[in-house]
PDB file of N, CA and C in Angstrom:
ATOM      1  N   MET A   1      -4.275 -13.374 -14.784  1.00  0.00           N
ATOM      2  CA  MET A   1      -4.342 -13.364 -13.286  1.00  0.00           C
ATOM      3  C   MET A   1      -3.209 -12.543 -12.698  1.00  0.00           C
ATOM      4  N   LYS A   2      -3.715 -11.573 -11.847  1.00  0.00           N
ATOM      5  CA  LYS A   2      -2.653 -10.726 -11.268  1.00  0.00           C
ATOM      6  C   LYS A   2      -2.645 -11.048  -9.833  1.00  0.00           C
ATOM      7  N   ILE A   3      -1.652 -10.615  -9.097  1.00  0.00           N
ATOM      8  CA  ILE A   3      -1.717 -10.703  -7.609  1.00  0.00           C
ATOM      9  C   ILE A   3      -1.659  -9.149  -7.179  1.00  0.00           C
ATOM     10  N   ILE A   4      -2.657  -8.717  -6.389  1.00  0.00           N
ATOM     11  CA  ILE A   4      -2.873  -7.423  -5.776  1.00  0.00           C
ATOM     12  C   ILE A   4      -2.438  -7.462  -4.424  1.00  0.00           C
ATOM     13  N   PHE A   5      -1.409  -6.678  -3.904  1.00  0.00           N
ATOM     14  CA  PHE A   5      -1.106  -6.501  -2.603  1.00  0.00           C
ATOM     15  C   PHE A   5      -1.698  -5.037  -2.015  1.00  0.00           C
ATOM     16  N   ILE A   6      -2.232  -5.165  -0.836  1.00  0.00           N
ATOM     17  CA  ILE A   6      -2.704  -3.817  -0.193  1.00  0.00           C
ATOM     18  C   ILE A   6      -1.922  -3.582   0.940  1.00  0.00           C
ATOM     19  N   ASN A   7      -1.293  -2.690   1.050  1.00  0.00           N
ATOM     20  CA  ASN A   7      -0.442  -2.298   2.339  1.00  0.00           C
ATOM     21  C   ASN A   7      -0.243  -0.766   2.338  1.00  0.00           C
ATOM     22  N   ARG A   8      -0.295  -0.242   3.650  1.00  0.00           N
ATOM     23  CA  ARG A   8      -0.221   1.228   3.556  1.00  0.00           C
ATOM     24  C   ARG A   8       1.153   1.702   3.142  1.00  0.00           C
ATOM     25  N   PHE A   9       2.199   0.987   3.170  1.00  0.00           N
ATOM     26  CA  PHE A   9       3.565   1.534   2.862  1.00  0.00           C
ATOM     27  C   PHE A   9       4.249   0.513   1.812  1.00  0.00           C
ATOM     28  N   PHE A  10       4.938   1.016   0.892  1.00  0.00           N
ATOM     29  CA  PHE A  10       5.708   0.238  -0.109  1.00  0.00           C
ATOM     30  C   PHE A  10       6.861   1.065  -0.470  1.00  0.00           C
ATOM     31  N   TYR A  11       7.702   0.484  -1.211  1.00  0.00           N
ATOM     32  CA  TYR A  11       8.894   1.024  -1.600  1.00  0.00           C
ATOM     33  C   TYR A  11       8.664   2.541  -2.284  1.00  0.00           C
ATOM     34  N   PRO A  12       9.494   3.383  -2.234  1.00  0.00           N
ATOM     35  CA  PRO A  12      10.685   3.545  -1.431  1.00  0.00           C
ATOM     36  C   PRO A  12      10.737   3.654  -0.019  1.00  0.00           C
ATOM     37  N   ASP A  13       9.540   3.735   0.605  1.00  0.00           N
ATOM     38  CA  ASP A  13       9.440   3.784   1.965  1.00  0.00           C
ATOM     39  C   ASP A  13      10.264   2.669   2.636  1.00  0.00           C
ATOM     40  N   MET A  14      10.770   3.084   3.875  1.00  0.00           N
ATOM     41  CA  MET A  14      11.729   2.045   4.466  1.00  0.00           C
ATOM     42  C   MET A  14      11.157   1.498   5.733  1.00  0.00           C
ATOM     43  N   SER A  15       9.889   1.502   5.907  1.00  0.00           N
ATOM     44  CA  SER A  15       9.164   0.914   7.187  1.00  0.00           C
ATOM     45  C   SER A  15       9.320  -0.533   7.044  1.00  0.00           C
ATOM     46  N   ALA A  16       9.212  -1.296   8.085  1.00  0.00           N
ATOM     47  CA  ALA A  16       9.383  -2.753   8.056  1.00  0.00           C
ATOM     48  C   ALA A  16       8.357  -3.471   7.073  1.00  0.00           C
ATOM     49  N   THR A  17       7.095  -3.053   7.162  1.00  0.00           N
ATOM     50  CA  THR A  17       6.207  -3.750   6.276  1.00  0.00           C
ATOM     51  C   THR A  17       6.316  -3.380   4.898  1.00  0.00           C
ATOM     52  N   SER A  18       6.813  -2.192   4.516  1.00  0.00           N
ATOM     53  CA  SER A  18       7.215  -1.751   3.224  1.00  0.00           C
ATOM     54  C   SER A  18       8.378  -2.611   2.662  1.00  0.00           C
ATOM     55  N   GLN A  19       9.440  -2.861   3.453  1.00  0.00           N
ATOM     56  CA  GLN A  19      10.540  -3.709   3.130  1.00  0.00           C
ATOM     57  C   GLN A  19      10.278  -5.109   2.765  1.00  0.00           C
ATOM     58  N   MET A  20       9.228  -5.684   3.550  1.00  0.00           N
ATOM     59  CA  MET A  20       9.083  -7.042   3.480  1.00  0.00           C
ATOM     60  C   MET A  20       8.057  -7.251   2.230  1.00  0.00           C
ATOM     61  N   LEU A  21       7.031  -6.348   1.987  1.00  0.00           N
ATOM     62  CA  LEU A  21       6.193  -6.417   0.866  1.00  0.00           C
ATOM     63  C   LEU A  21       6.968  -6.093  -0.454  1.00  0.00           C
ATOM     64  N   SER A  22       7.948  -5.140  -0.352  1.00  0.00           N
ATOM     65  CA  SER A  22       8.648  -4.726  -1.705  1.00  0.00           C
ATOM     66  C   SER A  22       9.539  -5.934  -1.973  1.00  0.00           C
ATOM     67  N   ASP A  23      10.185  -6.623  -1.090  1.00  0.00           N
ATOM     68  CA  ASP A  23      11.025  -7.746  -1.424  1.00  0.00           C
ATOM     69  C   ASP A  23      10.273  -8.917  -2.133  1.00  0.00           C
ATOM     70  N   GLN A  24       9.006  -8.993  -1.515  1.00  0.00           N
ATOM     71  CA  GLN A  24       8.165 -10.191  -2.003  1.00  0.00           C
ATOM     72  C   GLN A  24       7.519  -9.807  -3.419  1.00  0.00           C
ATOM     73  N   ALA A  25       7.182  -8.552  -3.568  1.00  0.00           N
ATOM     74  CA  ALA A  25       6.419  -8.174  -4.815  1.00  0.00           C
ATOM     75  C   ALA A  25       7.517  -8.084  -5.906  1.00  0.00           C
ATOM     76  N   PHE A  26       8.904  -7.630  -5.584  1.00  0.00           N
ATOM     77  CA  PHE A  26       9.764  -7.512  -6.729  1.00  0.00           C
ATOM     78  C   PHE A  26      10.258  -8.932  -7.143  1.00  0.00           C
ATOM     79  N   ALA A  27      10.384  -9.839  -6.178  1.00  0.00           N
ATOM     80  CA  ALA A  27      10.799 -11.209  -6.460  1.00  0.00           C
ATOM     81  C   ALA A  27       9.669 -11.889  -7.371  1.00  0.00           C
ATOM     82  N   LEU A  28       8.456 -11.612  -7.033  1.00  0.00           N
ATOM     83  CA  LEU A  28       7.372 -12.323  -7.914  1.00  0.00           C
ATOM     84  C   LEU A  28       7.292 -11.786  -9.334  1.00  0.00           C
ATOM     85  N   ALA A  29       7.519 -10.498  -9.267  1.00  0.00           N
ATOM     86  CA  ALA A  29       7.562  -9.668 -10.733  1.00  0.00           C
ATOM     87  C   ALA A  29       8.641 -10.337 -11.423  1.00  0.00           C
ATOM     88  N   GLU A  30       9.821 -10.588 -10.842  1.00  0.00           N
ATOM     89  CA  GLU A  30      11.031 -11.126 -11.425  1.00  0.00           C
ATOM     90  C   GLU A  30      10.619 -12.617 -12.108  1.00  0.00           C
ATOM     91  N   TYR A  31       9.765 -13.285 -11.456  1.00  0.00           N
ATOM     92  CA  TYR A  31       9.395 -14.484 -12.007  1.00  0.00           C
ATOM     93  C   TYR A  31       8.201 -14.371 -13.093  1.00  0.00           C
ATOM     94  N   GLY A  32       7.899 -13.318 -13.439  1.00  0.00           N
ATOM     95  CA  GLY A  32       7.020 -13.006 -14.478  1.00  0.00           C
ATOM     96  C   GLY A  32       5.571 -13.006 -14.043  1.00  0.00           C
ATOM     97  N   ARG A  33       5.289 -12.806 -12.738  1.00  0.00           N
ATOM     98  CA  ARG A  33       3.972 -12.666 -12.351  1.00  0.00           C
ATOM     99  C   ARG A  33       3.436 -11.282 -12.412  1.00  0.00           C
ATOM    100  N   GLU A  34       2.226 -11.036 -12.763  1.00  0.00           N
ATOM    101  CA  GLU A  34       1.776  -9.599 -12.875  1.00  0.00           C
ATOM    102  C   GLU A  34       1.390  -9.134 -11.502  1.00  0.00           C
ATOM    103  N   ILE A  35       2.012  -8.235 -10.953  1.00  0.00           N
ATOM    104  CA  ILE A  35       1.979  -7.679  -9.640  1.00  0.00           C
ATOM    105  C   ILE A  35       1.411  -6.280  -9.526  1.00  0.00           C
ATOM    106  N   VAL A  36       0.435  -6.011  -8.731  1.00  0.00           N
ATOM    107  CA  VAL A  36      -0.037  -4.626  -8.388  1.00  0.00           C
ATOM    108  C   VAL A  36       0.087  -4.441  -6.933  1.00  0.00           C
ATOM    109  N   VAL A  37       0.286  -3.175  -6.474  1.00  0.00           N
ATOM    110  CA  VAL A  37       0.294  -2.834  -5.238  1.00  0.00           C
ATOM    111  C   VAL A  37      -0.511  -1.531  -4.954  1.00  0.00           C
ATOM    112  N   ILE A  38      -1.430  -1.672  -4.019  1.00  0.00           N
ATOM    113  CA  ILE A  38      -2.143  -0.545  -3.659  1.00  0.00           C
ATOM    114  C   ILE A  38      -1.645   0.006  -2.407  1.00  0.00           C
ATOM    115  N   THR A  39      -1.165   1.139  -2.293  1.00  0.00           N
ATOM    116  CA  THR A  39      -0.505   1.776  -1.087  1.00  0.00           C
ATOM    117  C   THR A  39      -0.827   3.208  -0.926  1.00  0.00           C
ATOM    118  N   SER A  40      -0.306   3.822   0.143  1.00  0.00           N
ATOM    119  CA  SER A  40      -0.493   5.220   0.352  1.00  0.00           C
ATOM    120  C   SER A  40       0.481   6.035  -0.287  1.00  0.00           C
ATOM    121  N   ARG A  41       0.087   7.379  -0.505  1.00  0.00           N
ATOM    122  CA  ARG A  41       1.167   8.102  -1.162  1.00  0.00           C
ATOM    123  C   ARG A  41       2.088   8.801  -0.053  1.00  0.00           C
ATOM    124  N   HIS A  42       1.748   8.545   1.207  1.00  0.00           N
ATOM    125  CA  HIS A  42       2.624   9.161   2.271  1.00  0.00           C
ATOM    126  C   HIS A  42       3.649   8.199   2.773  1.00  0.00           C
ATOM    127  N   GLY A  43       4.711   8.723   3.212  1.00  0.00           N
ATOM    128  CA  GLY A  43       5.808   7.928   3.944  1.00  0.00           C
ATOM    129  C   GLY A  43       5.405   7.653   5.421  1.00  0.00           C
ATOM    130  N   TYR A  44       5.912   6.664   5.844  1.00  0.00           N
ATOM    131  CA  TYR A  44       5.774   6.207   7.297  1.00  0.00           C
ATOM    132  C   TYR A  44       6.411   7.290   8.184  1.00  0.00           C
ATOM    133  N   SER A  45       7.574   7.564   8.123  1.00  0.00           N
ATOM    134  CA  SER A  45       8.201   8.422   9.149  1.00  0.00           C
ATOM    135  C   SER A  45       7.960   9.828   8.738  1.00  0.00           C
ATOM    136  N   ASP A  46       7.827  10.302   7.575  1.00  0.00           N
ATOM    137  CA  ASP A  46       7.567  11.766   7.110  1.00  0.00           C
ATOM    138  C   ASP A  46       6.329  11.877   6.448  1.00  0.00           C
ATOM    139  N   ARG A  47       5.299  12.389   7.260  1.00  0.00           N
ATOM    140  CA  ARG A  47       3.972  12.597   6.703  1.00  0.00           C
ATOM    141  C   ARG A  47       3.793  13.519   5.446  1.00  0.00           C
ATOM    142  N   THR A  48       4.921  14.305   5.344  1.00  0.00           N
ATOM    143  CA  THR A  48       4.852  15.346   4.303  1.00  0.00           C
ATOM    144  C   THR A  48       5.399  14.602   3.001  1.00  0.00           C
ATOM    145  N   GLU A  49       6.003  13.626   3.151  1.00  0.00           N
ATOM    146  CA  GLU A  49       6.595  12.795   1.906  1.00  0.00           C
ATOM    147  C   GLU A  49       5.330  12.410   1.151  1.00  0.00           C
ATOM    148  N   ARG A  50       5.453  12.770  -0.308  1.00  0.00           N
ATOM    149  CA  ARG A  50       4.401  12.405  -1.125  1.00  0.00           C
ATOM    150  C   ARG A  50       5.135  11.695  -2.391  1.00  0.00           C
ATOM    151  N   TYR A  51       4.591  10.380  -2.614  1.00  0.00           N
ATOM    152  CA  TYR A  51       5.061   9.679  -3.783  1.00  0.00           C
ATOM    153  C   TYR A  51       4.099   9.749  -4.848  1.00  0.00           C
ATOM    154  N   PRO A  52       4.630   9.395  -6.099  1.00  0.00           N
ATOM    155  CA  PRO A  52       3.578   9.487  -7.286  1.00  0.00           C
ATOM    156  C   PRO A  52       2.436   8.678  -7.040  1.00  0.00           C
ATOM    157  N   ALA A  53       1.435   9.171  -7.765  1.00  0.00           N
ATOM    158  CA  ALA A  53      -0.008   8.400  -7.718  1.00  0.00           C
ATOM    159  C   ALA A  53       0.218   7.104  -8.298  1.00  0.00           C
ATOM    160  N   ARG A  54       0.727   7.028  -9.469  1.00  0.00           N
ATOM    161  CA  ARG A  54       1.114   5.756 -10.301  1.00  0.00           C
ATOM    162  C   ARG A  54       2.523   5.655 -10.745  1.00  0.00           C
ATOM    163  N   GLU A  55       3.026   4.461 -10.729  1.00  0.00           N
ATOM    164  CA  GLU A  55       4.414   4.240 -11.268  1.00  0.00           C
ATOM    165  C   GLU A  55       4.490   2.822 -11.451  1.00  0.00           C
ATOM    166  N   LYS A  56       5.502   2.476 -12.321  1.00  0.00           N
ATOM    167  CA  LYS A  56       5.980   1.007 -12.298  1.00  0.00           C
ATOM    168  C   LYS A  56       7.408   0.894 -11.924  1.00  0.00           C
ATOM    169  N   ILE A  57       7.620   0.119 -10.936  1.00  0.00           N
ATOM    170  CA  ILE A  57       8.943  -0.080 -10.403  1.00  0.00           C
ATOM    171  C   ILE A  57       9.258  -1.549 -10.476  1.00  0.00           C
ATOM    172  N   ASP A  58      10.371  -1.782 -11.296  1.00  0.00           N
ATOM    173  CA  ASP A  58      10.937  -3.082 -11.474  1.00  0.00           C
ATOM    174  C   ASP A  58       9.863  -4.142 -11.697  1.00  0.00           C
ATOM    175  N   GLY A  59       8.969  -3.827 -12.538  1.00  0.00           N
ATOM    176  CA  GLY A  59       7.911  -4.677 -13.021  1.00  0.00           C
ATOM    177  C   GLY A  59       6.728  -4.713 -12.085  1.00  0.00           C
ATOM    178  N   VAL A  60       6.609  -3.963 -11.096  1.00  0.00           N
ATOM    179  CA  VAL A  60       5.455  -3.829 -10.127  1.00  0.00           C
ATOM    180  C   VAL A  60       4.708  -2.657 -10.478  1.00  0.00           C
ATOM    181  N   THR A  61       3.427  -2.761 -10.741  1.00  0.00           N
ATOM    182  CA  THR A  61       2.538  -1.580 -10.892  1.00  0.00           C
ATOM    183  C   THR A  61       2.010  -1.077  -9.540  1.00  0.00           C
ATOM    184  N   VAL A  62       2.302   0.118  -9.244  1.00  0.00           N
ATOM    185  CA  VAL A  62       2.038   0.748  -7.984  1.00  0.00           C
ATOM    186  C   VAL A  62       1.010   1.772  -8.047  1.00  0.00           C
ATOM    187  N   HIS A  63      -0.091   1.524  -7.321  1.00  0.00           N
ATOM    188  CA  HIS A  63      -1.218   2.685  -7.308  1.00  0.00           C
ATOM    189  C   HIS A  63      -1.170   3.208  -5.856  1.00  0.00           C
ATOM    190  N   ARG A  64      -0.915   4.348  -5.906  1.00  0.00           N
ATOM    191  CA  ARG A  64      -0.825   5.063  -4.494  1.00  0.00           C
ATOM    192  C   ARG A  64      -2.108   6.000  -4.459  1.00  0.00           C
ATOM    193  N   VAL A  65      -2.723   5.689  -3.263  1.00  0.00           N
ATOM    194  CA  VAL A  65      -4.092   6.364  -3.051  1.00  0.00           C
ATOM    195  C   VAL A  65      -3.932   7.475  -2.029  1.00  0.00           C
ATOM    196  N   PRO A  66      -4.645   8.482  -2.199  1.00  0.00           N
ATOM    197  CA  PRO A  66      -4.729   9.537  -1.255  1.00  0.00           C
ATOM    198  C   PRO A  66      -5.359   9.260   0.044  1.00  0.00           C
ATOM    199  N   THR A  67      -4.688   9.760   1.181  1.00  0.00           N
ATOM    200  CA  THR A  67      -5.174   9.493   2.434  1.00  0.00           C
ATOM    201  C   THR A  67      -4.946  10.674   3.353  1.00  0.00           C
ATOM    202  N   SER A  68      -5.632  10.660   4.487  1.00  0.00           N
ATOM    203  CA  SER A  68      -5.251  11.866   5.454  1.00  0.00           C
ATOM    204  C   SER A  68      -3.855  11.666   5.844  1.00  0.00           C
ATOM    205  N   SER A  69      -3.343  12.776   6.448  1.00  0.00           N
ATOM    206  CA  SER A  69      -1.889  12.607   6.850  1.00  0.00           C
ATOM    207  C   SER A  69      -1.600  13.330   8.315  1.00  0.00           C
ATOM    208  N   PHE A  70      -2.403  12.799   9.161  1.00  0.00           N
ATOM    209  CA  PHE A  70      -2.308  13.329  10.592  1.00  0.00           C
ATOM    210  C   PHE A  70      -0.892  12.908  11.289  1.00  0.00           C
ATOM    211  N   GLY A  71      -0.423  11.748  10.812  1.00  0.00           N
ATOM    212  CA  GLY A  71       0.750  11.293  11.314  1.00  0.00           C
ATOM    213  C   GLY A  71       0.472  10.295  12.447  1.00  0.00           C
ATOM    214  N   ARG A  72       1.651   9.717  12.868  1.00  0.00           N
ATOM    215  CA  ARG A  72       1.479   8.596  13.859  1.00  0.00           C
ATOM    216  C   ARG A  72       1.732   8.924  15.288  1.00  0.00           C
ATOM    217  N   PHE A  73       1.581  10.159  15.626  1.00  0.00           N
ATOM    218  CA  PHE A  73       1.891  10.545  16.955  1.00  0.00           C
ATOM    219  C   PHE A  73       0.689  10.870  17.775  1.00  0.00           C
ATOM    220  N   ARG A  74      -0.392  10.823  17.208  1.00  0.00           N
ATOM    221  CA  ARG A  74      -1.537  11.010  18.057  1.00  0.00           C
ATOM    222  C   ARG A  74      -2.563   9.855  17.670  1.00  0.00           C
ATOM    223  N   LEU A  75      -3.252   9.221  18.671  1.00  0.00           N
ATOM    224  CA  LEU A  75      -4.202   8.136  18.422  1.00  0.00           C
ATOM    225  C   LEU A  75      -5.228   8.645  17.445  1.00  0.00           C
ATOM    226  N   PHE A  76      -6.018   9.618  17.686  1.00  0.00           N
ATOM    227  CA  PHE A  76      -7.076   9.825  16.757  1.00  0.00           C
ATOM    228  C   PHE A  76      -6.628  10.159  15.290  1.00  0.00           C
ATOM    229  N   GLY A  77      -5.504  10.840  15.102  1.00  0.00           N
ATOM    230  CA  GLY A  77      -5.109  11.115  13.750  1.00  0.00           C
ATOM    231  C   GLY A  77      -4.558   9.875  13.036  1.00  0.00           C
ATOM    232  N   ARG A  78      -3.917   8.976  13.805  1.00  0.00           N
ATOM    233  CA  ARG A  78      -3.546   7.696  13.291  1.00  0.00           C
ATOM    234  C   ARG A  78      -4.680   6.906  12.845  1.00  0.00           C
ATOM    235  N   ALA A  79      -5.669   6.877  13.762  1.00  0.00           N
ATOM    236  CA  ALA A  79      -6.873   6.119  13.373  1.00  0.00           C
ATOM    237  C   ALA A  79      -7.685   6.657  12.085  1.00  0.00           C
ATOM    238  N   LEU A  80      -7.597   8.019  11.960  1.00  0.00           N
ATOM    239  CA  LEU A  80      -8.257   8.586  10.764  1.00  0.00           C
ATOM    240  C   LEU A  80      -7.304   8.213   9.469  1.00  0.00           C
ATOM    241  N   ASP A  81      -6.049   8.302   9.708  1.00  0.00           N
ATOM    242  CA  ASP A  81      -5.238   7.894   8.529  1.00  0.00           C
ATOM    243  C   ASP A  81      -5.472   6.435   8.125  1.00  0.00           C
ATOM    244  N   CYS A  82      -5.504   5.501   9.099  1.00  0.00           N
ATOM    245  CA  CYS A  82      -5.914   4.092   8.767  1.00  0.00           C
ATOM    246  C   CYS A  82      -7.259   3.944   8.151  1.00  0.00           C
ATOM    247  N   ALA A  83      -8.253   4.740   8.646  1.00  0.00           N
ATOM    248  CA  ALA A  83      -9.571   4.623   8.204  1.00  0.00           C
ATOM    249  C   ALA A  83      -9.575   5.158   6.624  1.00  0.00           C
ATOM    250  N   SER A  84      -8.916   6.239   6.392  1.00  0.00           N
ATOM    251  CA  SER A  84      -8.943   6.856   5.054  1.00  0.00           C
ATOM    252  C   SER A  84      -8.216   5.996   4.186  1.00  0.00           C
ATOM    253  N   PHE A  85      -7.119   5.307   4.545  1.00  0.00           N
ATOM    254  CA  PHE A  85      -6.433   4.328   3.679  1.00  0.00           C
ATOM    255  C   PHE A  85      -7.428   3.257   3.443  1.00  0.00           C
ATOM    256  N   LEU A  86      -8.139   2.636   4.314  1.00  0.00           N
ATOM    257  CA  LEU A  86      -8.885   1.496   4.049  1.00  0.00           C
ATOM    258  C   LEU A  86     -10.116   1.797   3.082  1.00  0.00           C
ATOM    259  N   LEU A  87     -10.507   3.050   3.198  1.00  0.00           N
ATOM    260  CA  LEU A  87     -11.678   3.497   2.275  1.00  0.00           C
ATOM    261  C   LEU A  87     -11.166   3.648   0.864  1.00  0.00           C
ATOM    262  N   THR A  88     -10.013   4.438   0.802  1.00  0.00           N
ATOM    263  CA  THR A  88      -9.460   4.745  -0.592  1.00  0.00           C
ATOM    264  C   THR A  88      -8.957   3.503  -1.324  1.00  0.00           C
ATOM    265  N   SER A  89      -8.257   2.714  -0.470  1.00  0.00           N
ATOM    266  CA  SER A  89      -7.806   1.460  -1.128  1.00  0.00           C
ATOM    267  C   SER A  89      -8.801   0.400  -1.483  1.00  0.00           C
ATOM    268  N   GLY A  90      -9.782   0.373  -0.744  1.00  0.00           N
ATOM    269  CA  GLY A  90     -10.956  -0.417  -1.026  1.00  0.00           C
ATOM    270  C   GLY A  90     -11.713  -0.006  -2.342  1.00  0.00           C
ATOM    271  N   TRP A  91     -11.792   1.162  -2.506  1.00  0.00           N
ATOM    272  CA  TRP A  91     -12.287   1.709  -3.653  1.00  0.00           C
ATOM    273  C   TRP A  91     -11.603   1.321  -5.010  1.00  0.00           C
ATOM    274  N   HIS A  92     -10.033   1.536  -4.877  1.00  0.00           N
ATOM    275  CA  HIS A  92      -9.356   1.078  -5.888  1.00  0.00           C
ATOM    276  C   HIS A  92      -9.244  -0.277  -6.221  1.00  0.00           C
ATOM    277  N   LEU A  93      -9.429  -1.088  -5.163  1.00  0.00           N
ATOM    278  CA  LEU A  93      -9.458  -2.507  -5.284  1.00  0.00           C
ATOM    279  C   LEU A  93     -10.638  -2.915  -6.140  1.00  0.00           C
ATOM    280  N   LEU A  94     -11.812  -2.332  -5.836  1.00  0.00           N
ATOM    281  CA  LEU A  94     -13.081  -2.631  -6.511  1.00  0.00           C
ATOM    282  C   LEU A  94     -12.872  -2.459  -8.038  1.00  0.00           C
ATOM    283  N   VAL A  95     -12.184  -1.267  -8.290  1.00  0.00           N
ATOM    284  CA  VAL A  95     -11.904  -0.999  -9.769  1.00  0.00           C
ATOM    285  C   VAL A  95     -10.907  -1.819 -10.550  1.00  0.00           C
ATOM    286  N   LEU A  96      -9.764  -2.322  -9.747  1.00  0.00           N
ATOM    287  CA  LEU A  96      -8.830  -3.137 -10.334  1.00  0.00           C
ATOM    288  C   LEU A  96      -8.896  -4.676 -10.347  1.00  0.00           C
ATOM    289  N   VAL A  97      -9.741  -5.311  -9.338  1.00  0.00           N
ATOM    290  CA  VAL A  97      -9.855  -6.688  -9.368  1.00  0.00           C
ATOM    291  C   VAL A  97     -10.572  -7.321 -10.354  1.00  0.00           C
ATOM    292  N   ARG A  98     -10.221  -8.381 -10.766  1.00  0.00           N
ATOM    293  CA  ARG A  98     -10.924  -9.160 -11.873  1.00  0.00           C
ATOM    294  C   ARG A  98     -11.133 -10.585 -11.431  1.00  0.00           C
ATOM    295  N   PRO A  99     -12.068 -11.490 -11.864  1.00  0.00           N
ATOM    296  CA  PRO A  99     -12.322 -12.747 -11.435  1.00  0.00           C
ATOM    297  C   PRO A  99     -10.926 -13.479 -11.719  1.00  0.00           C
ATOM    298  N   GLY A 100     -10.474 -14.211 -10.720  1.00  0.00           N
ATOM    299  CA  GLY A 100      -9.152 -15.021 -10.744  1.00  0.00           C
ATOM    300  C   GLY A 100      -8.055 -14.307 -10.225  1.00  0.00           C
ATOM    301  N   ASP A 101      -8.189 -13.017  -9.950  1.00  0.00           N
ATOM    302  CA  ASP A 101      -7.075 -12.348  -9.284  1.00  0.00           C
ATOM    303  C   ASP A 101      -6.976 -12.769  -7.825  1.00  0.00           C
ATOM    304  N   ILE A 102      -5.659 -12.651  -7.239  1.00  0.00           N
ATOM    305  CA  ILE A 102      -5.203 -12.997  -6.015  1.00  0.00           C
ATOM    306  C   ILE A 102      -5.142 -11.693  -5.255  1.00  0.00           C
ATOM    307  N   VAL A 103      -5.921 -11.434  -4.130  1.00  0.00           N
ATOM    308  CA  VAL A 103      -5.674 -10.220  -3.350  1.00  0.00           C
ATOM    309  C   VAL A 103      -5.102 -10.663  -1.980  1.00  0.00           C
ATOM    310  N   VAL A 104      -3.920  -9.924  -1.562  1.00  0.00           N
ATOM    311  CA  VAL A 104      -3.296 -10.196  -0.372  1.00  0.00           C
ATOM    312  C   VAL A 104      -3.399  -8.747   0.297  1.00  0.00           C
ATOM    313  N   ALA A 105      -3.952  -8.789   1.482  1.00  0.00           N
ATOM    314  CA  ALA A 105      -4.004  -7.475   2.186  1.00  0.00           C
ATOM    315  C   ALA A 105      -3.442  -7.756   3.594  1.00  0.00           C
ATOM    316  N   LYS A 106      -2.603  -6.716   3.941  1.00  0.00           N
ATOM    317  CA  LYS A 106      -1.963  -6.801   5.251  1.00  0.00           C
ATOM    318  C   LYS A 106      -3.163  -6.736   6.295  1.00  0.00           C
ATOM    319  N   THR A 107      -2.947  -7.811   7.250  1.00  0.00           N
ATOM    320  CA  THR A 107      -4.068  -7.713   8.160  1.00  0.00           C
ATOM    321  C   THR A 107      -3.553  -6.916   9.347  1.00  0.00           C
ATOM    322  N   GLY A 108      -4.708  -6.504  10.159  1.00  0.00           N
ATOM    323  CA  GLY A 108      -4.293  -5.639  11.473  1.00  0.00           C
ATOM    324  C   GLY A 108      -3.835  -4.318  11.250  1.00  0.00           C
ATOM    325  N   ALA A 109      -4.415  -3.624  10.042  1.00  0.00           N
ATOM    326  CA  ALA A 109      -4.031  -2.284   9.932  1.00  0.00           C
ATOM    327  C   ALA A 109      -4.230  -1.344  11.152  1.00  0.00           C
ATOM    328  N   MET A 110      -5.321  -1.791  11.823  1.00  0.00           N
ATOM    329  CA  MET A 110      -5.507  -0.901  13.136  1.00  0.00           C
ATOM    330  C   MET A 110      -4.635  -1.207  14.209  1.00  0.00           C
ATOM    331  N   THR A 111      -3.839  -2.207  14.040  1.00  0.00           N
ATOM    332  CA  THR A 111      -2.866  -2.656  15.198  1.00  0.00           C
ATOM    333  C   THR A 111      -1.752  -1.679  15.315  1.00  0.00           C
ATOM    334  N   GLU A 112      -1.636  -0.822  14.227  1.00  0.00           N
ATOM    335  CA  GLU A 112      -0.549   0.184  14.140  1.00  0.00           C
ATOM    336  C   GLU A 112      -0.890   1.329  15.142  1.00  0.00           C
ATOM    337  N   ILE A 113      -2.198   1.390  15.472  1.00  0.00           N
ATOM    338  CA  ILE A 113      -2.567   2.362  16.365  1.00  0.00           C
ATOM    339  C   ILE A 113      -1.973   2.113  17.838  1.00  0.00           C
ATOM    340  N   GLY A 114      -2.020   0.926  18.230  1.00  0.00           N
ATOM    341  CA  GLY A 114      -1.598   0.616  19.670  1.00  0.00           C
ATOM    342  C   GLY A 114      -0.168   0.798  19.987  1.00  0.00           C
TER     343      GLY A 114
END
């Protein structure tokens, strides 16, 4: 059984949700849990930042999905970024999840628009 987290941002990104999820994921991996994170390849502050598509960091398997990168400064672009993340992360989740796995998704992805 693995725990799969879904969040738009993850380590090494320094956004608040990234830091909270990273702390939790690394702590659970330290206790021997199998942890998988599905996240975006883009950084929160710098939309040109590109992280590797796959890597293992401190026992956590990270799958970074491609998304649009319009940035957070325009409402429509931000909405497209959120929608593209939901679509691509959903597809990855369907491929990765197995019976008995636990899925934890950040709720309110669209609240980042407001």
